[in-house]
Amino acid sequence: MLSVGITGNIGSGKSLVCKVFDVLGVPVFHADLAGRQVLEQAEVIRRISKEFGAGVLDPDGRIHRPALAARVFSDPVSLGFLNDLVHPAVEALWKDFSIIHADKPYVLHEAAILMESGFYRLMDEVILVKAPPEVRKARVMQRDSWGEEEFERRASLQWSEAELARYASFSINNSGNEAVLPQVLDIHHMLVSLAGSVGGVS
Protein backbone atom coordinates (compact mmCIF):
# COMPACT_ATOMS: atom_id res chain seq x y z
CA MET A 1 0.00 0.00 0.00
CA LEU A 2 1.20 3.47 -0.87
CA SER A 3 0.86 6.51 1.39
CA VAL A 4 -0.10 9.49 -0.75
CA GLY A 5 -0.24 13.04 0.56
CA ILE A 6 -2.56 15.63 -0.97
CA THR A 7 -2.18 19.31 -0.26
CA GLY A 8 -2.61 22.78 -1.71
CA ASN A 9 -2.83 26.37 -0.61
CA ILE A 10 -5.92 27.63 1.16
CA GLY A 11 -8.85 27.82 -1.27
CA SER A 12 -7.26 25.51 -3.84
CA GLY A 13 -10.14 23.05 -3.53
CA LYS A 14 -8.52 20.07 -1.83
CA SER A 15 -11.86 19.01 -0.34
CA LEU A 16 -13.51 18.78 -3.76
CA VAL A 17 -10.65 16.71 -5.16
CA CYS A 18 -10.70 14.42 -2.12
CA LYS A 19 -14.42 13.81 -2.63
CA VAL A 20 -13.67 12.55 -6.13
CA PHE A 21 -11.03 10.17 -4.80
CA ASP A 22 -13.50 9.05 -2.13
CA VAL A 23 -16.08 8.20 -4.80
CA LEU A 24 -13.39 6.06 -6.46
CA GLY A 25 -13.11 4.07 -3.23
CA VAL A 26 -9.86 5.60 -2.03
CA PRO A 27 -9.68 6.01 1.79
CA VAL A 28 -9.02 9.66 2.67
CA PHE A 29 -7.55 10.74 5.99
CA HIS A 30 -8.34 14.38 6.76
CA ALA A 31 -5.65 15.84 8.99
CA ASP A 32 -7.77 18.86 9.95
CA LEU A 33 -10.58 16.63 11.18
CA ALA A 34 -8.08 14.48 13.05
CA GLY A 35 -6.65 17.62 14.60
CA ARG A 36 -10.08 18.57 15.88
CA GLN A 37 -10.42 15.14 17.46
CA VAL A 38 -7.06 15.61 19.16
CA LEU A 39 -8.24 18.94 20.58
CA GLU A 40 -11.04 17.05 22.34
CA GLN A 41 -8.61 14.88 24.32
CA ALA A 42 -8.50 15.73 28.03
CA GLU A 43 -4.71 15.88 28.29
CA VAL A 44 -4.45 18.11 25.24
CA ILE A 45 -7.10 20.46 26.65
CA ARG A 46 -5.20 20.58 29.94
CA ARG A 47 -1.90 21.47 28.31
CA ILE A 48 -3.43 24.08 26.01
CA SER A 49 -5.31 25.80 28.84
CA LYS A 50 -2.15 25.78 30.94
CA GLU A 51 -0.19 27.41 28.11
CA PHE A 52 -2.76 29.93 26.90
CA GLY A 53 -5.15 30.38 29.82
CA ALA A 54 -8.88 29.84 30.26
CA GLY A 55 -9.64 32.32 27.48
CA VAL A 56 -9.23 29.60 24.87
CA LEU A 57 -11.90 27.41 26.51
CA ASP A 58 -15.66 27.57 26.06
CA PRO A 59 -18.11 27.47 29.02
CA ASP A 60 -18.09 23.66 28.89
CA GLY A 61 -14.32 23.49 29.31
CA ARG A 62 -13.63 22.48 25.71
CA ILE A 63 -11.28 24.18 23.30
CA HIS A 64 -12.90 27.23 21.70
CA ARG A 65 -11.27 26.88 18.29
CA PRO A 66 -11.83 30.48 17.07
CA ALA A 67 -10.25 31.86 20.25
CA LEU A 68 -7.33 29.45 19.96
CA ALA A 69 -6.86 30.29 16.29
CA ALA A 70 -6.83 34.02 17.05
CA ARG A 71 -4.11 33.40 19.60
CA VAL A 72 -1.79 31.12 17.67
CA PHE A 73 -2.08 32.58 14.17
CA SER A 74 -0.77 35.91 15.42
CA ASP A 75 2.19 34.40 17.27
CA PRO A 76 4.66 31.99 15.63
CA VAL A 77 5.88 30.73 19.01
CA SER A 78 2.34 29.87 20.11
CA LEU A 79 1.65 28.22 16.77
CA GLY A 80 4.80 26.17 17.18
CA PHE A 81 3.70 25.03 20.63
CA LEU A 82 0.31 23.95 19.30
CA ASN A 83 1.80 22.12 16.32
CA ASP A 84 4.31 20.29 18.52
CA LEU A 85 1.41 19.17 20.69
CA VAL A 86 -1.07 18.19 18.01
CA HIS A 87 1.04 16.83 15.15
CA PRO A 88 2.37 13.69 16.94
CA ALA A 89 -1.17 12.75 17.96
CA VAL A 90 -2.40 13.25 14.38
CA GLU A 91 0.47 11.09 13.14
CA ALA A 92 -0.63 8.31 15.49
CA LEU A 93 -4.18 8.52 14.14
CA TRP A 94 -2.80 8.40 10.59
CA LYS A 95 -0.86 5.24 11.33
CA ASP A 96 -3.99 3.59 12.74
CA PHE A 97 -5.92 4.69 9.64
CA SER A 98 -3.27 3.21 7.35
CA ILE A 99 -3.37 -0.12 9.18
CA ILE A 100 -7.15 -0.29 8.89
CA HIS A 101 -6.96 0.27 5.12
CA ALA A 102 -3.82 -1.77 4.44
CA ASP A 103 -5.70 -3.86 1.86
CA LYS A 104 -6.09 -0.85 -0.46
CA PRO A 105 -3.59 0.04 -3.22
CA TYR A 106 -3.11 3.45 -1.64
CA VAL A 107 -4.55 5.83 0.94
CA LEU A 108 -4.66 9.62 0.89
CA HIS A 109 -3.50 11.94 3.66
CA GLU A 110 -5.09 15.35 3.09
CA ALA A 111 -3.44 18.25 4.93
CA ALA A 112 -3.18 21.99 4.40
CA ILE A 113 0.36 22.11 5.80
CA LEU A 114 1.65 18.74 4.63
CA MET A 115 4.98 20.22 3.52
CA GLU A 116 5.34 22.88 6.20
CA SER A 117 4.89 20.31 8.97
CA GLY A 118 7.41 17.93 7.41
CA PHE A 119 4.72 15.25 7.22
CA TYR A 120 5.35 14.84 3.49
CA ARG A 121 8.44 12.84 4.42
CA LEU A 122 6.15 9.99 5.50
CA MET A 123 4.49 9.89 2.08
CA ASP A 124 5.46 7.78 -0.91
CA GLU A 125 3.93 10.30 -3.32
CA VAL A 126 2.41 13.78 -3.03
CA ILE A 127 -0.43 15.38 -5.01
CA LEU A 128 -0.61 19.17 -5.23
CA VAL A 129 -3.96 20.85 -5.92
CA LYS A 130 -3.35 24.18 -7.67
CA ALA A 131 -5.38 27.31 -8.34
CA PRO A 132 -4.44 30.95 -9.00
CA PRO A 133 -4.28 33.27 -5.95
CA GLU A 134 -7.22 35.40 -7.08
CA VAL A 135 -9.40 32.31 -7.49
CA ARG A 136 -8.41 30.96 -4.08
CA LYS A 137 -9.05 34.30 -2.42
CA ALA A 138 -12.52 34.61 -3.95
CA ARG A 139 -13.43 31.07 -2.89
CA VAL A 140 -12.32 31.52 0.72
CA MET A 141 -13.85 34.95 1.16
CA GLN A 142 -17.18 33.63 -0.07
CA ARG A 143 -16.98 30.33 1.82
CA ASP A 144 -15.78 31.59 5.18
CA SER A 145 -16.96 35.21 5.03
CA TRP A 146 -13.39 36.36 5.62
CA GLY A 147 -12.09 39.76 4.71
CA GLU A 148 -9.12 40.12 2.39
CA GLU A 149 -6.80 40.85 5.33
CA GLU A 150 -7.75 37.61 7.10
CA PHE A 151 -7.21 35.60 3.93
CA GLU A 152 -3.79 37.15 3.37
CA ARG A 153 -2.80 36.50 6.98
CA ARG A 154 -3.72 32.81 6.80
CA ALA A 155 -2.24 32.39 3.33
CA SER A 156 1.06 33.90 4.48
CA LEU A 157 1.53 30.97 6.87
CA GLN A 158 1.68 28.53 3.96
CA TRP A 159 4.45 27.92 1.47
CA SER A 160 4.02 29.34 -1.99
CA GLU A 161 2.65 27.09 -4.72
CA ALA A 162 6.07 27.06 -6.36
CA GLU A 163 7.66 25.81 -3.13
CA LEU A 164 5.01 23.13 -2.69
CA ALA A 165 5.46 21.98 -6.28
CA ARG A 166 9.09 21.07 -5.57
CA TYR A 167 7.88 18.17 -3.40
CA ALA A 168 4.86 17.08 -5.45
CA SER A 169 4.80 13.97 -7.62
CA PHE A 170 1.51 14.94 -9.28
CA SER A 171 -0.55 18.11 -9.66
CA ILE A 172 -4.21 18.86 -10.28
CA ASN A 173 -5.33 22.15 -11.82
CA ASN A 174 -8.46 23.28 -9.98
CA SER A 175 -8.65 26.80 -11.38
CA GLY A 176 -12.10 26.18 -12.82
CA ASN A 177 -10.79 26.17 -16.39
CA GLU A 178 -10.01 22.46 -16.53
CA ALA A 179 -12.19 19.50 -15.53
CA VAL A 180 -11.00 17.89 -12.30
CA LEU A 181 -12.40 14.38 -12.84
CA PRO A 182 -10.16 13.37 -15.77
CA GLN A 183 -7.10 14.61 -13.88
CA VAL A 184 -8.05 12.61 -10.79
CA LEU A 185 -8.74 9.50 -12.85
CA ASP A 186 -5.33 9.73 -14.55
CA ILE A 187 -3.54 10.01 -11.21
CA HIS A 188 -5.68 7.28 -9.68
CA HIS A 189 -4.77 4.81 -12.43
CA MET A 190 -1.07 5.70 -12.14
CA LEU A 191 -1.09 5.22 -8.37
CA VAL A 192 -2.89 1.88 -8.59
CA SER A 193 -0.37 0.74 -11.18
CA LEU A 194 2.54 2.02 -9.10
CA ALA A 195 1.21 0.28 -5.98
CA GLY A 196 0.99 -2.97 -7.89
CA SER A 197 4.50 -2.64 -9.29
CA VAL A 198 5.98 -2.26 -5.80
CA GLY A 199 3.84 -4.95 -4.25
CA GLY A 200 1.56 -2.45 -2.60
CA VAL A 201 -1.63 -4.45 -3.17
CA SER A 202 -2.17 -7.22 -0.68
C-alpha atoms as a PDB file:
ATOM      1  CA  MET A   1       0.000   0.000   0.000  1.00  0.00           C
ATOM      2  CA  LEU A   2       1.200   3.473  -0.871  1.00  0.00           C
ATOM      3  CA  SER A   3       0.860   6.507   1.389  1.00  0.00           C
ATOM      4  CA  VAL A   4      -0.095   9.494  -0.746  1.00  0.00           C
ATOM      5  CA  GLY A   5      -0.244  13.044   0.557  1.00  0.00           C
ATOM      6  CA  ILE A   6      -2.555  15.626  -0.966  1.00  0.00           C
ATOM      7  CA  THR A   7      -2.175  19.314  -0.260  1.00  0.00           C
ATOM      8  CA  GLY A   8      -2.609  22.779  -1.710  1.00  0.00           C
ATOM      9  CA  ASN A   9      -2.835  26.372  -0.610  1.00  0.00           C
ATOM     10  CA  ILE A  10      -5.925  27.629   1.161  1.00  0.00           C
ATOM     11  CA  GLY A  11      -8.846  27.820  -1.273  1.00  0.00           C
ATOM     12  CA  SER A  12      -7.263  25.507  -3.836  1.00  0.00           C
ATOM     13  CA  GLY A  13     -10.142  23.047  -3.532  1.00  0.00           C
ATOM     14  CA  LYS A  14      -8.524  20.072  -1.828  1.00  0.00           C
ATOM     15  CA  SER A  15     -11.859  19.013  -0.342  1.00  0.00           C
ATOM     16  CA  LEU A  16     -13.512  18.782  -3.759  1.00  0.00           C
ATOM     17  CA  VAL A  17     -10.646  16.713  -5.155  1.00  0.00           C
ATOM     18  CA  CYS A  18     -10.698  14.423  -2.117  1.00  0.00           C
ATOM     19  CA  LYS A  19     -14.417  13.811  -2.630  1.00  0.00           C
ATOM     20  CA  VAL A  20     -13.668  12.554  -6.129  1.00  0.00           C
ATOM     21  CA  PHE A  21     -11.031  10.168  -4.801  1.00  0.00           C
ATOM     22  CA  ASP A  22     -13.498   9.051  -2.133  1.00  0.00           C
ATOM     23  CA  VAL A  23     -16.080   8.198  -4.805  1.00  0.00           C
ATOM     24  CA  LEU A  24     -13.394   6.058  -6.457  1.00  0.00           C
ATOM     25  CA  GLY A  25     -13.109   4.069  -3.229  1.00  0.00           C
ATOM     26  CA  VAL A  26      -9.858   5.602  -2.030  1.00  0.00           C
ATOM     27  CA  PRO A  27      -9.675   6.007   1.788  1.00  0.00           C
ATOM     28  CA  VAL A  28      -9.022   9.660   2.667  1.00  0.00           C
ATOM     29  CA  PHE A  29      -7.545  10.737   5.989  1.00  0.00           C
ATOM     30  CA  HIS A  30      -8.345  14.378   6.759  1.00  0.00           C
ATOM     31  CA  ALA A  31      -5.647  15.840   8.991  1.00  0.00           C
ATOM     32  CA  ASP A  32      -7.771  18.860   9.946  1.00  0.00           C
ATOM     33  CA  LEU A  33     -10.582  16.626  11.175  1.00  0.00           C
ATOM     34  CA  ALA A  34      -8.083  14.477  13.052  1.00  0.00           C
ATOM     35  CA  GLY A  35      -6.650  17.618  14.603  1.00  0.00           C
ATOM     36  CA  ARG A  36     -10.083  18.569  15.875  1.00  0.00           C
ATOM     37  CA  GLN A  37     -10.420  15.137  17.456  1.00  0.00           C
ATOM     38  CA  VAL A  38      -7.059  15.610  19.164  1.00  0.00           C
ATOM     39  CA  LEU A  39      -8.241  18.937  20.576  1.00  0.00           C
ATOM     40  CA  GLU A  40     -11.043  17.047  22.341  1.00  0.00           C
ATOM     41  CA  GLN A  41      -8.613  14.880  24.317  1.00  0.00           C
ATOM     42  CA  ALA A  42      -8.504  15.730  28.027  1.00  0.00           C
ATOM     43  CA  GLU A  43      -4.706  15.877  28.286  1.00  0.00           C
ATOM     44  CA  VAL A  44      -4.454  18.111  25.241  1.00  0.00           C
ATOM     45  CA  ILE A  45      -7.095  20.460  26.649  1.00  0.00           C
ATOM     46  CA  ARG A  46      -5.200  20.583  29.941  1.00  0.00           C
ATOM     47  CA  ARG A  47      -1.895  21.473  28.309  1.00  0.00           C
ATOM     48  CA  ILE A  48      -3.429  24.085  26.014  1.00  0.00           C
ATOM     49  CA  SER A  49      -5.308  25.796  28.838  1.00  0.00           C
ATOM     50  CA  LYS A  50      -2.147  25.776  30.939  1.00  0.00           C
ATOM     51  CA  GLU A  51      -0.190  27.408  28.114  1.00  0.00           C
ATOM     52  CA  PHE A  52      -2.761  29.934  26.897  1.00  0.00           C
ATOM     53  CA  GLY A  53      -5.146  30.376  29.817  1.00  0.00           C
ATOM     54  CA  ALA A  54      -8.880  29.839  30.259  1.00  0.00           C
ATOM     55  CA  GLY A  55      -9.639  32.322  27.480  1.00  0.00           C
ATOM     56  CA  VAL A  56      -9.225  29.598  24.866  1.00  0.00           C
ATOM     57  CA  LEU A  57     -11.896  27.406  26.509  1.00  0.00           C
ATOM     58  CA  ASP A  58     -15.657  27.567  26.064  1.00  0.00           C
ATOM     59  CA  PRO A  59     -18.105  27.474  29.023  1.00  0.00           C
ATOM     60  CA  ASP A  60     -18.093  23.663  28.891  1.00  0.00           C
ATOM     61  CA  GLY A  61     -14.325  23.487  29.305  1.00  0.00           C
ATOM     62  CA  ARG A  62     -13.630  22.479  25.713  1.00  0.00           C
ATOM     63  CA  ILE A  63     -11.285  24.185  23.299  1.00  0.00           C
ATOM     64  CA  HIS A  64     -12.900  27.226  21.696  1.00  0.00           C
ATOM     65  CA  ARG A  65     -11.269  26.882  18.295  1.00  0.00           C
ATOM     66  CA  PRO A  66     -11.828  30.484  17.074  1.00  0.00           C
ATOM     67  CA  ALA A  67     -10.250  31.859  20.252  1.00  0.00           C
ATOM     68  CA  LEU A  68      -7.332  29.448  19.964  1.00  0.00           C
ATOM     69  CA  ALA A  69      -6.857  30.292  16.290  1.00  0.00           C
ATOM     70  CA  ALA A  70      -6.834  34.021  17.048  1.00  0.00           C
ATOM     71  CA  ARG A  71      -4.115  33.402  19.602  1.00  0.00           C
ATOM     72  CA  VAL A  72      -1.786  31.124  17.671  1.00  0.00           C
ATOM     73  CA  PHE A  73      -2.076  32.585  14.175  1.00  0.00           C
ATOM     74  CA  SER A  74      -0.771  35.914  15.423  1.00  0.00           C
ATOM     75  CA  ASP A  75       2.192  34.400  17.267  1.00  0.00           C
ATOM     76  CA  PRO A  76       4.661  31.987  15.627  1.00  0.00           C
ATOM     77  CA  VAL A  77       5.880  30.733  19.013  1.00  0.00           C
ATOM     78  CA  SER A  78       2.345  29.874  20.114  1.00  0.00           C
ATOM     79  CA  LEU A  79       1.649  28.223  16.772  1.00  0.00           C
ATOM     80  CA  GLY A  80       4.798  26.165  17.175  1.00  0.00           C
ATOM     81  CA  PHE A  81       3.703  25.026  20.631  1.00  0.00           C
ATOM     82  CA  LEU A  82       0.315  23.947  19.305  1.00  0.00           C
ATOM     83  CA  ASN A  83       1.801  22.124  16.318  1.00  0.00           C
ATOM     84  CA  ASP A  84       4.307  20.288  18.520  1.00  0.00           C
ATOM     85  CA  LEU A  85       1.407  19.166  20.694  1.00  0.00           C
ATOM     86  CA  VAL A  86      -1.073  18.194  18.009  1.00  0.00           C
ATOM     87  CA  HIS A  87       1.037  16.826  15.149  1.00  0.00           C
ATOM     88  CA  PRO A  88       2.372  13.694  16.941  1.00  0.00           C
ATOM     89  CA  ALA A  89      -1.169  12.752  17.961  1.00  0.00           C
ATOM     90  CA  VAL A  90      -2.401  13.253  14.385  1.00  0.00           C
ATOM     91  CA  GLU A  91       0.470  11.092  13.139  1.00  0.00           C
ATOM     92  CA  ALA A  92      -0.632   8.306  15.491  1.00  0.00           C
ATOM     93  CA  LEU A  93      -4.183   8.515  14.136  1.00  0.00           C
ATOM     94  CA  TRP A  94      -2.803   8.404  10.593  1.00  0.00           C
ATOM     95  CA  LYS A  95      -0.856   5.236  11.329  1.00  0.00           C
ATOM     96  CA  ASP A  96      -3.988   3.590  12.738  1.00  0.00           C
ATOM     97  CA  PHE A  97      -5.924   4.686   9.635  1.00  0.00           C
ATOM     98  CA  SER A  98      -3.270   3.209   7.355  1.00  0.00           C
ATOM     99  CA  ILE A  99      -3.371  -0.120   9.183  1.00  0.00           C
ATOM    100  CA  ILE A 100      -7.153  -0.290   8.892  1.00  0.00           C
ATOM    101  CA  HIS A 101      -6.956   0.270   5.119  1.00  0.00           C
ATOM    102  CA  ALA A 102      -3.821  -1.773   4.439  1.00  0.00           C
ATOM    103  CA  ASP A 103      -5.701  -3.857   1.859  1.00  0.00           C
ATOM    104  CA  LYS A 104      -6.089  -0.847  -0.463  1.00  0.00           C
ATOM    105  CA  PRO A 105      -3.595   0.037  -3.222  1.00  0.00           C
ATOM    106  CA  TYR A 106      -3.112   3.453  -1.642  1.00  0.00           C
ATOM    107  CA  VAL A 107      -4.548   5.826   0.939  1.00  0.00           C
ATOM    108  CA  LEU A 108      -4.655   9.621   0.889  1.00  0.00           C
ATOM    109  CA  HIS A 109      -3.500  11.940   3.655  1.00  0.00           C
ATOM    110  CA  GLU A 110      -5.094  15.353   3.087  1.00  0.00           C
ATOM    111  CA  ALA A 111      -3.445  18.251   4.925  1.00  0.00           C
ATOM    112  CA  ALA A 112      -3.180  21.987   4.400  1.00  0.00           C
ATOM    113  CA  ILE A 113       0.364  22.110   5.802  1.00  0.00           C
ATOM    114  CA  LEU A 114       1.647  18.739   4.633  1.00  0.00           C
ATOM    115  CA  MET A 115       4.979  20.219   3.519  1.00  0.00           C
ATOM    116  CA  GLU A 116       5.341  22.879   6.197  1.00  0.00           C
ATOM    117  CA  SER A 117       4.886  20.312   8.974  1.00  0.00           C
ATOM    118  CA  GLY A 118       7.408  17.935   7.410  1.00  0.00           C
ATOM    119  CA  PHE A 119       4.717  15.252   7.216  1.00  0.00           C
ATOM    120  CA  TYR A 120       5.345  14.843   3.488  1.00  0.00           C
ATOM    121  CA  ARG A 121       8.443  12.839   4.425  1.00  0.00           C
ATOM    122  CA  LEU A 122       6.149   9.989   5.503  1.00  0.00           C
ATOM    123  CA  MET A 123       4.487   9.890   2.082  1.00  0.00           C
ATOM    124  CA  ASP A 124       5.457   7.778  -0.911  1.00  0.00           C
ATOM    125  CA  GLU A 125       3.928  10.297  -3.315  1.00  0.00           C
ATOM    126  CA  VAL A 126       2.410  13.782  -3.028  1.00  0.00           C
ATOM    127  CA  ILE A 127      -0.427  15.383  -5.010  1.00  0.00           C
ATOM    128  CA  LEU A 128      -0.608  19.172  -5.229  1.00  0.00           C
ATOM    129  CA  VAL A 129      -3.963  20.851  -5.921  1.00  0.00           C
ATOM    130  CA  LYS A 130      -3.346  24.176  -7.666  1.00  0.00           C
ATOM    131  CA  ALA A 131      -5.383  27.312  -8.340  1.00  0.00           C
ATOM    132  CA  PRO A 132      -4.436  30.955  -9.002  1.00  0.00           C
ATOM    133  CA  PRO A 133      -4.279  33.268  -5.950  1.00  0.00           C
ATOM    134  CA  GLU A 134      -7.217  35.397  -7.084  1.00  0.00           C
ATOM    135  CA  VAL A 135      -9.397  32.308  -7.489  1.00  0.00           C
ATOM    136  CA  ARG A 136      -8.405  30.958  -4.083  1.00  0.00           C
ATOM    137  CA  LYS A 137      -9.052  34.303  -2.419  1.00  0.00           C
ATOM    138  CA  ALA A 138     -12.524  34.607  -3.945  1.00  0.00           C
ATOM    139  CA  ARG A 139     -13.429  31.066  -2.890  1.00  0.00           C
ATOM    140  CA  VAL A 140     -12.319  31.518   0.716  1.00  0.00           C
ATOM    141  CA  MET A 141     -13.849  34.955   1.160  1.00  0.00           C
ATOM    142  CA  GLN A 142     -17.179  33.631  -0.071  1.00  0.00           C
ATOM    143  CA  ARG A 143     -16.984  30.327   1.818  1.00  0.00           C
ATOM    144  CA  ASP A 144     -15.775  31.587   5.182  1.00  0.00           C
ATOM    145  CA  SER A 145     -16.958  35.212   5.030  1.00  0.00           C
ATOM    146  CA  TRP A 146     -13.390  36.358   5.619  1.00  0.00           C
ATOM    147  CA  GLY A 147     -12.086  39.763   4.707  1.00  0.00           C
ATOM    148  CA  GLU A 148      -9.116  40.117   2.392  1.00  0.00           C
ATOM    149  CA  GLU A 149      -6.805  40.854   5.329  1.00  0.00           C
ATOM    150  CA  GLU A 150      -7.745  37.609   7.096  1.00  0.00           C
ATOM    151  CA  PHE A 151      -7.213  35.603   3.929  1.00  0.00           C
ATOM    152  CA  GLU A 152      -3.793  37.153   3.366  1.00  0.00           C
ATOM    153  CA  ARG A 153      -2.803  36.498   6.980  1.00  0.00           C
ATOM    154  CA  ARG A 154      -3.716  32.808   6.801  1.00  0.00           C
ATOM    155  CA  ALA A 155      -2.238  32.385   3.333  1.00  0.00           C
ATOM    156  CA  SER A 156       1.058  33.896   4.483  1.00  0.00           C
ATOM    157  CA  LEU A 157       1.528  30.969   6.865  1.00  0.00           C
ATOM    158  CA  GLN A 158       1.675  28.529   3.962  1.00  0.00           C
ATOM    159  CA  TRP A 159       4.445  27.915   1.473  1.00  0.00           C
ATOM    160  CA  SER A 160       4.017  29.336  -1.993  1.00  0.00           C
ATOM    161  CA  GLU A 161       2.646  27.092  -4.716  1.00  0.00           C
ATOM    162  CA  ALA A 162       6.068  27.055  -6.356  1.00  0.00           C
ATOM    163  CA  GLU A 163       7.663  25.809  -3.133  1.00  0.00           C
ATOM    164  CA  LEU A 164       5.008  23.125  -2.692  1.00  0.00           C
ATOM    165  CA  ALA A 165       5.465  21.980  -6.281  1.00  0.00           C
ATOM    166  CA  ARG A 166       9.087  21.075  -5.569  1.00  0.00           C
ATOM    167  CA  TYR A 167       7.883  18.174  -3.403  1.00  0.00           C
ATOM    168  CA  ALA A 168       4.865  17.075  -5.445  1.00  0.00           C
ATOM    169  CA  SER A 169       4.795  13.972  -7.615  1.00  0.00           C
ATOM    170  CA  PHE A 170       1.506  14.940  -9.284  1.00  0.00           C
ATOM    171  CA  SER A 171      -0.545  18.111  -9.658  1.00  0.00           C
ATOM    172  CA  ILE A 172      -4.210  18.863 -10.285  1.00  0.00           C
ATOM    173  CA  ASN A 173      -5.328  22.146 -11.818  1.00  0.00           C
ATOM    174  CA  ASN A 174      -8.461  23.275  -9.976  1.00  0.00           C
ATOM    175  CA  SER A 175      -8.650  26.805 -11.376  1.00  0.00           C
ATOM    176  CA  GLY A 176     -12.095  26.185 -12.822  1.00  0.00           C
ATOM    177  CA  ASN A 177     -10.795  26.171 -16.386  1.00  0.00           C
ATOM    178  CA  GLU A 178     -10.005  22.460 -16.532  1.00  0.00           C
ATOM    179  CA  ALA A 179     -12.186  19.500 -15.525  1.00  0.00           C
ATOM    180  CA  VAL A 180     -10.998  17.894 -12.299  1.00  0.00           C
ATOM    181  CA  LEU A 181     -12.403  14.379 -12.837  1.00  0.00           C
ATOM    182  CA  PRO A 182     -10.158  13.369 -15.775  1.00  0.00           C
ATOM    183  CA  GLN A 183      -7.097  14.606 -13.881  1.00  0.00           C
ATOM    184  CA  VAL A 184      -8.046  12.611 -10.791  1.00  0.00           C
ATOM    185  CA  LEU A 185      -8.736   9.496 -12.854  1.00  0.00           C
ATOM    186  CA  ASP A 186      -5.332   9.734 -14.554  1.00  0.00           C
ATOM    187  CA  ILE A 187      -3.537  10.012 -11.214  1.00  0.00           C
ATOM    188  CA  HIS A 188      -5.677   7.276  -9.676  1.00  0.00           C
ATOM    189  CA  HIS A 189      -4.772   4.809 -12.433  1.00  0.00           C
ATOM    190  CA  MET A 190      -1.075   5.702 -12.143  1.00  0.00           C
ATOM    191  CA  LEU A 191      -1.090   5.223  -8.374  1.00  0.00           C
ATOM    192  CA  VAL A 192      -2.892   1.880  -8.587  1.00  0.00           C
ATOM    193  CA  SER A 193      -0.367   0.738 -11.181  1.00  0.00           C
ATOM    194  CA  LEU A 194       2.539   2.017  -9.096  1.00  0.00           C
ATOM    195  CA  ALA A 195       1.214   0.278  -5.982  1.00  0.00           C
ATOM    196  CA  GLY A 196       0.986  -2.965  -7.887  1.00  0.00           C
ATOM    197  CA  SER A 197       4.505  -2.644  -9.288  1.00  0.00           C
ATOM    198  CA  VAL A 198       5.983  -2.262  -5.798  1.00  0.00           C
ATOM    199  CA  GLY A 199       3.837  -4.954  -4.249  1.00  0.00           C
ATOM    200  CA  GLY A 200       1.556  -2.446  -2.602  1.00  0.00           C
ATOM    201  CA  VAL A 201      -1.630  -4.447  -3.174  1.00  0.00           C
ATOM    202  CA  SER A 202      -2.165  -7.219  -0.679  1.00  0.00           C
END
